[in-house]
């Protein structure tokens, strides 16, 4: 009964409108989009950034750090999405900022919780062994890391999360390496 929203993405506008009318209610508002690439990438890549936000939480960093992770993470998601044909405005909507904020802040997020455990010093293998549900961001990190390299897209948060998960990099070293990268203009 809590008000919420979602996006239905389809190239078939008539079908999207039919489903929008069917599922919309006083408590469930449905939007439509034909940017399937943007909706799919926003929904997948946000899980990587949620792992980073969880690591930040586990390490005891504050709201400012998490806000920086979300905003710079959104830049990464947008870069890759646009390169793959998504529309920039998609990432400013529900399947971009909306989904990213929810996943990075929710105590119910599997990806954020996974990252938090890593940030508290637990091993990736140990946390995954104790998790009964799929932590989508783990596999997504590998796929996004490889896709970004293939597309020549800079995704520093994703690269560091990849190194933490797949190369055993210490999260403290990942934070240091992110913070000491070459200075840039926003």
C-alpha atoms as a PDB file:
ATOM      1  CA  UNK A   1       0.000   0.000   0.000  1.00  0.00           C
ATOM      2  CA  UNK A   2       2.998   2.337  -0.098  1.00  0.00           C
ATOM      3  CA  UNK A   3       3.066   4.621  -3.166  1.00  0.00           C
ATOM      4  CA  UNK A   4       5.724   3.650  -5.696  1.00  0.00           C
ATOM      5  CA  UNK A   5       6.594   3.968  -9.355  1.00  0.00           C
ATOM      6  CA  UNK A   6       8.164   1.916 -12.132  1.00  0.00           C
ATOM      7  CA  UNK A   7       9.009   2.110 -15.821  1.00  0.00           C
ATOM      8  CA  UNK A   8       7.860  -0.217 -18.577  1.00  0.00           C
ATOM      9  CA  UNK A   9      10.278  -0.121 -21.511  1.00  0.00           C
ATOM     10  CA  UNK A  10       9.198  -1.376 -24.891  1.00  0.00           C
ATOM     11  CA  UNK A  11       9.592  -0.524 -28.556  1.00  0.00           C
ATOM     12  CA  UNK A  12       5.893  -1.383 -28.900  1.00  0.00           C
ATOM     13  CA  UNK A  13       4.234   1.850 -27.756  1.00  0.00           C
ATOM     14  CA  UNK A  14       0.723   0.399 -27.844  1.00  0.00           C
ATOM     15  CA  UNK A  15       1.752  -2.507 -25.628  1.00  0.00           C
ATOM     16  CA  UNK A  16       3.554  -0.178 -23.201  1.00  0.00           C
ATOM     17  CA  UNK A  17       0.472   2.033 -22.925  1.00  0.00           C
ATOM     18  CA  UNK A  18      -1.788  -0.994 -22.436  1.00  0.00           C
ATOM     19  CA  UNK A  19       0.418  -2.319 -19.632  1.00  0.00           C
ATOM     20  CA  UNK A  20       0.707   1.157 -18.105  1.00  0.00           C
ATOM     21  CA  UNK A  21      -3.097   1.418 -17.917  1.00  0.00           C
ATOM     22  CA  UNK A  22      -3.438  -2.146 -16.627  1.00  0.00           C
ATOM     23  CA  UNK A  23      -0.943  -1.828 -13.765  1.00  0.00           C
ATOM     24  CA  UNK A  24      -1.330   1.814 -12.715  1.00  0.00           C
ATOM     25  CA  UNK A  25      -3.344   2.468  -9.576  1.00  0.00           C
ATOM     26  CA  UNK A  26      -3.731   4.964  -6.757  1.00  0.00           C
ATOM     27  CA  UNK A  27      -0.563   3.544  -5.165  1.00  0.00           C
ATOM     28  CA  UNK A  28       1.392   2.283  -8.183  1.00  0.00           C
ATOM     29  CA  UNK A  29       2.302   4.762 -10.926  1.00  0.00           C
ATOM     30  CA  UNK A  30       3.696   3.327 -14.151  1.00  0.00           C
ATOM     31  CA  UNK A  31       5.693   5.324 -16.689  1.00  0.00           C
ATOM     32  CA  UNK A  32       6.643   4.215 -20.196  1.00  0.00           C
ATOM     33  CA  UNK A  33       9.860   4.476 -22.167  1.00  0.00           C
ATOM     34  CA  UNK A  34      11.153   3.267 -25.490  1.00  0.00           C
ATOM     35  CA  UNK A  35      14.783   3.560 -24.335  1.00  0.00           C
ATOM     36  CA  UNK A  36      15.269  -0.121 -23.637  1.00  0.00           C
ATOM     37  CA  UNK A  37      19.083   0.129 -23.561  1.00  0.00           C
ATOM     38  CA  UNK A  38      18.983   2.980 -21.041  1.00  0.00           C
ATOM     39  CA  UNK A  39      16.416   1.302 -18.793  1.00  0.00           C
ATOM     40  CA  UNK A  40      18.279  -2.023 -18.858  1.00  0.00           C
ATOM     41  CA  UNK A  41      21.722  -0.514 -18.237  1.00  0.00           C
ATOM     42  CA  UNK A  42      20.452   1.814 -15.515  1.00  0.00           C
ATOM     43  CA  UNK A  43      18.821  -1.141 -13.763  1.00  0.00           C
ATOM     44  CA  UNK A  44      21.926  -3.322 -14.007  1.00  0.00           C
ATOM     45  CA  UNK A  45      24.804  -0.905 -13.473  1.00  0.00           C
ATOM     46  CA  UNK A  46      23.282   0.656 -10.358  1.00  0.00           C
ATOM     47  CA  UNK A  47      24.097  -2.589  -8.549  1.00  0.00           C
ATOM     48  CA  UNK A  48      27.831  -1.967  -8.953  1.00  0.00           C
ATOM     49  CA  UNK A  49      27.510   1.494  -7.454  1.00  0.00           C
ATOM     50  CA  UNK A  50      25.391   0.041  -4.625  1.00  0.00           C
ATOM     51  CA  UNK A  51      28.268  -2.312  -3.773  1.00  0.00           C
ATOM     52  CA  UNK A  52      30.561   0.722  -3.610  1.00  0.00           C
ATOM     53  CA  UNK A  53      28.046   2.569  -1.402  1.00  0.00           C
ATOM     54  CA  UNK A  54      27.845  -0.467   0.871  1.00  0.00           C
ATOM     55  CA  UNK A  55      31.634  -0.637   1.144  1.00  0.00           C
ATOM     56  CA  UNK A  56      31.551   3.033   2.128  1.00  0.00           C
ATOM     57  CA  UNK A  57      28.948   2.278   4.804  1.00  0.00           C
ATOM     58  CA  UNK A  58      30.945  -0.694   6.069  1.00  0.00           C
ATOM     59  CA  UNK A  59      34.064   1.430   6.353  1.00  0.00           C
ATOM     60  CA  UNK A  60      32.143   3.993   8.409  1.00  0.00           C
ATOM     61  CA  UNK A  61      32.219   6.818   5.895  1.00  0.00           C
ATOM     62  CA  UNK A  62      29.381   9.314   6.011  1.00  0.00           C
ATOM     63  CA  UNK A  63      26.619  10.680   3.859  1.00  0.00           C
ATOM     64  CA  UNK A  64      28.938  12.992   1.929  1.00  0.00           C
ATOM     65  CA  UNK A  65      31.041  10.030   0.777  1.00  0.00           C
ATOM     66  CA  UNK A  66      27.978   8.058  -0.259  1.00  0.00           C
ATOM     67  CA  UNK A  67      26.605  11.086  -2.104  1.00  0.00           C
ATOM     68  CA  UNK A  68      29.877  11.377  -4.019  1.00  0.00           C
ATOM     69  CA  UNK A  69      29.706   7.674  -4.905  1.00  0.00           C
ATOM     70  CA  UNK A  70      26.145   8.053  -6.185  1.00  0.00           C
ATOM     71  CA  UNK A  71      26.835  11.131  -8.281  1.00  0.00           C
ATOM     72  CA  UNK A  72      30.103   9.912  -9.750  1.00  0.00           C
ATOM     73  CA  UNK A  73      28.535   6.483 -10.211  1.00  0.00           C
ATOM     74  CA  UNK A  74      25.714   8.064 -12.187  1.00  0.00           C
ATOM     75  CA  UNK A  75      28.342   9.672 -14.411  1.00  0.00           C
ATOM     76  CA  UNK A  76      29.825   6.227 -15.096  1.00  0.00           C
ATOM     77  CA  UNK A  77      26.431   4.661 -15.782  1.00  0.00           C
ATOM     78  CA  UNK A  78      25.540   7.506 -18.148  1.00  0.00           C
ATOM     79  CA  UNK A  79      28.872   7.346 -20.002  1.00  0.00           C
ATOM     80  CA  UNK A  80      28.511   3.666 -20.756  1.00  0.00           C
ATOM     81  CA  UNK A  81      24.794   3.920 -21.483  1.00  0.00           C
ATOM     82  CA  UNK A  82      25.177   6.790 -23.925  1.00  0.00           C
ATOM     83  CA  UNK A  83      28.050   4.990 -25.662  1.00  0.00           C
ATOM     84  CA  UNK A  84      25.746   1.981 -26.071  1.00  0.00           C
ATOM     85  CA  UNK A  85      22.934   4.105 -27.552  1.00  0.00           C
ATOM     86  CA  UNK A  86      20.868   5.107 -24.523  1.00  0.00           C
ATOM     87  CA  UNK A  87      19.386   8.575 -24.177  1.00  0.00           C
ATOM     88  CA  UNK A  88      21.022  10.777 -21.501  1.00  0.00           C
ATOM     89  CA  UNK A  89      17.678  11.826 -20.005  1.00  0.00           C
ATOM     90  CA  UNK A  90      16.847   8.226 -19.136  1.00  0.00           C
ATOM     91  CA  UNK A  91      19.532   8.318 -16.453  1.00  0.00           C
ATOM     92  CA  UNK A  92      17.948  11.388 -14.850  1.00  0.00           C
ATOM     93  CA  UNK A  93      14.694   9.514 -14.313  1.00  0.00           C
ATOM     94  CA  UNK A  94      13.382   6.572 -12.328  1.00  0.00           C
ATOM     95  CA  UNK A  95      15.636   3.956 -13.913  1.00  0.00           C
ATOM     96  CA  UNK A  96      18.688   6.140 -13.411  1.00  0.00           C
ATOM     97  CA  UNK A  97      18.768   8.409 -10.371  1.00  0.00           C
ATOM     98  CA  UNK A  98      15.661   6.811  -8.833  1.00  0.00           C
ATOM     99  CA  UNK A  99      16.796   3.206  -8.942  1.00  0.00           C
ATOM    100  CA  UNK A 100      20.375   4.169  -8.074  1.00  0.00           C
ATOM    101  CA  UNK A 101      19.355   6.132  -4.957  1.00  0.00           C
ATOM    102  CA  UNK A 102      17.064   3.380  -3.721  1.00  0.00           C
ATOM    103  CA  UNK A 103      19.583   0.594  -4.205  1.00  0.00           C
ATOM    104  CA  UNK A 104      22.470   2.537  -2.671  1.00  0.00           C
ATOM    105  CA  UNK A 105      20.542   3.633   0.420  1.00  0.00           C
ATOM    106  CA  UNK A 106      18.195   0.770   1.232  1.00  0.00           C
ATOM    107  CA  UNK A 107      19.070  -1.579   4.067  1.00  0.00           C
ATOM    108  CA  UNK A 108      17.152  -4.196   2.055  1.00  0.00           C
ATOM    109  CA  UNK A 109      19.473  -3.954  -0.962  1.00  0.00           C
ATOM    110  CA  UNK A 110      21.446  -7.174  -1.434  1.00  0.00           C
ATOM    111  CA  UNK A 111      24.152  -5.315  -3.339  1.00  0.00           C
ATOM    112  CA  UNK A 112      24.570  -2.568  -0.749  1.00  0.00           C
ATOM    113  CA  UNK A 113      24.550  -5.144   2.074  1.00  0.00           C
ATOM    114  CA  UNK A 114      27.161  -7.236   0.263  1.00  0.00           C
ATOM    115  CA  UNK A 115      29.371  -4.158  -0.086  1.00  0.00           C
ATOM    116  CA  UNK A 116      28.857  -3.234   3.554  1.00  0.00           C
ATOM    117  CA  UNK A 117      30.114  -6.652   4.665  1.00  0.00           C
ATOM    118  CA  UNK A 118      33.186  -6.242   2.423  1.00  0.00           C
ATOM    119  CA  UNK A 119      33.752  -2.765   3.860  1.00  0.00           C
ATOM    120  CA  UNK A 120      33.706  -4.266   7.353  1.00  0.00           C
ATOM    121  CA  UNK A 121      36.594  -6.526   6.399  1.00  0.00           C
ATOM    122  CA  UNK A 122      34.871  -9.756   5.392  1.00  0.00           C
ATOM    123  CA  UNK A 123      36.059 -11.622   2.298  1.00  0.00           C
ATOM    124  CA  UNK A 124      34.051 -11.731  -0.923  1.00  0.00           C
ATOM    125  CA  UNK A 125      34.041 -15.535  -0.843  1.00  0.00           C
ATOM    126  CA  UNK A 126      32.801 -15.624   2.754  1.00  0.00           C
ATOM    127  CA  UNK A 127      29.984 -13.137   2.158  1.00  0.00           C
ATOM    128  CA  UNK A 128      28.808 -14.853  -1.025  1.00  0.00           C
ATOM    129  CA  UNK A 129      28.827 -18.254   0.706  1.00  0.00           C
ATOM    130  CA  UNK A 130      26.506 -16.897   3.409  1.00  0.00           C
ATOM    131  CA  UNK A 131      24.149 -15.135   1.011  1.00  0.00           C
ATOM    132  CA  UNK A 132      21.114 -17.162  -0.033  1.00  0.00           C
ATOM    133  CA  UNK A 133      19.983 -14.691  -2.714  1.00  0.00           C
ATOM    134  CA  UNK A 134      21.825 -13.591  -5.846  1.00  0.00           C
ATOM    135  CA  UNK A 135      23.933 -10.445  -5.529  1.00  0.00           C
ATOM    136  CA  UNK A 136      23.482  -9.292  -9.119  1.00  0.00           C
ATOM    137  CA  UNK A 137      26.177  -6.652  -8.894  1.00  0.00           C
ATOM    138  CA  UNK A 138      28.947  -9.243  -8.611  1.00  0.00           C
ATOM    139  CA  UNK A 139      28.447 -10.645 -12.113  1.00  0.00           C
ATOM    140  CA  UNK A 140      27.412  -7.235 -13.449  1.00  0.00           C
ATOM    141  CA  UNK A 141      30.711  -5.773 -12.256  1.00  0.00           C
ATOM    142  CA  UNK A 142      32.697  -8.217 -14.374  1.00  0.00           C
ATOM    143  CA  UNK A 143      30.523  -7.669 -17.443  1.00  0.00           C
ATOM    144  CA  UNK A 144      30.554  -3.870 -17.097  1.00  0.00           C
ATOM    145  CA  UNK A 145      34.302  -3.767 -16.488  1.00  0.00           C
ATOM    146  CA  UNK A 146      34.942  -5.740 -19.682  1.00  0.00           C
ATOM    147  CA  UNK A 147      32.385  -3.760 -21.700  1.00  0.00           C
ATOM    148  CA  UNK A 148      33.832  -0.424 -20.527  1.00  0.00           C
ATOM    149  CA  UNK A 149      37.328  -1.524 -21.566  1.00  0.00           C
ATOM    150  CA  UNK A 150      36.047  -2.702 -24.949  1.00  0.00           C
ATOM    151  CA  UNK A 151      34.193   0.610 -25.482  1.00  0.00           C
ATOM    152  CA  UNK A 152      37.049   2.759 -24.188  1.00  0.00           C
ATOM    153  CA  UNK A 153      34.856   4.234 -21.433  1.00  0.00           C
ATOM    154  CA  UNK A 154      36.383   5.398 -18.164  1.00  0.00           C
ATOM    155  CA  UNK A 155      34.558   3.859 -15.186  1.00  0.00           C
ATOM    156  CA  UNK A 156      36.893   4.221 -12.190  1.00  0.00           C
ATOM    157  CA  UNK A 157      34.434   3.145  -9.474  1.00  0.00           C
ATOM    158  CA  UNK A 158      33.468   0.082 -11.483  1.00  0.00           C
ATOM    159  CA  UNK A 159      37.148  -0.719 -12.094  1.00  0.00           C
ATOM    160  CA  UNK A 160      37.954  -0.530  -8.373  1.00  0.00           C
ATOM    161  CA  UNK A 161      34.940  -2.656  -7.410  1.00  0.00           C
ATOM    162  CA  UNK A 162      36.083  -5.183 -10.026  1.00  0.00           C
ATOM    163  CA  UNK A 163      39.537  -5.284  -8.426  1.00  0.00           C
ATOM    164  CA  UNK A 164      38.056  -5.712  -4.938  1.00  0.00           C
ATOM    165  CA  UNK A 165      35.737  -8.548  -6.005  1.00  0.00           C
ATOM    166  CA  UNK A 166      37.861 -10.386  -8.567  1.00  0.00           C
ATOM    167  CA  UNK A 167      41.450  -9.526  -7.687  1.00  0.00           C
ATOM    168  CA  UNK A 168      41.210  -9.395  -3.892  1.00  0.00           C
ATOM    169  CA  UNK A 169      42.159  -5.727  -3.646  1.00  0.00           C
ATOM    170  CA  UNK A 170      41.772  -4.240  -0.187  1.00  0.00           C
ATOM    171  CA  UNK A 171      38.859  -1.752  -0.155  1.00  0.00           C
ATOM    172  CA  UNK A 172      41.066   0.782   1.671  1.00  0.00           C
ATOM    173  CA  UNK A 173      43.519   0.669  -1.235  1.00  0.00           C
ATOM    174  CA  UNK A 174      40.640   1.033  -3.706  1.00  0.00           C
ATOM    175  CA  UNK A 175      39.424   4.154  -1.899  1.00  0.00           C
ATOM    176  CA  UNK A 176      42.938   5.596  -1.863  1.00  0.00           C
ATOM    177  CA  UNK A 177      43.397   4.897  -5.563  1.00  0.00           C
ATOM    178  CA  UNK A 178      40.067   6.533  -6.415  1.00  0.00           C
ATOM    179  CA  UNK A 179      40.838   9.599  -4.325  1.00  0.00           C
ATOM    180  CA  UNK A 180      44.370  10.062  -5.702  1.00  0.00           C
ATOM    181  CA  UNK A 181      43.525   9.706  -9.406  1.00  0.00           C
ATOM    182  CA  UNK A 182      44.585  12.542 -11.692  1.00  0.00           C
ATOM    183  CA  UNK A 183      42.571  15.632 -10.868  1.00  0.00           C
ATOM    184  CA  UNK A 184      39.888  16.546 -13.403  1.00  0.00           C
ATOM    185  CA  UNK A 185      37.213  19.041 -14.179  1.00  0.00           C
ATOM    186  CA  UNK A 186      33.644  17.990 -13.460  1.00  0.00           C
END
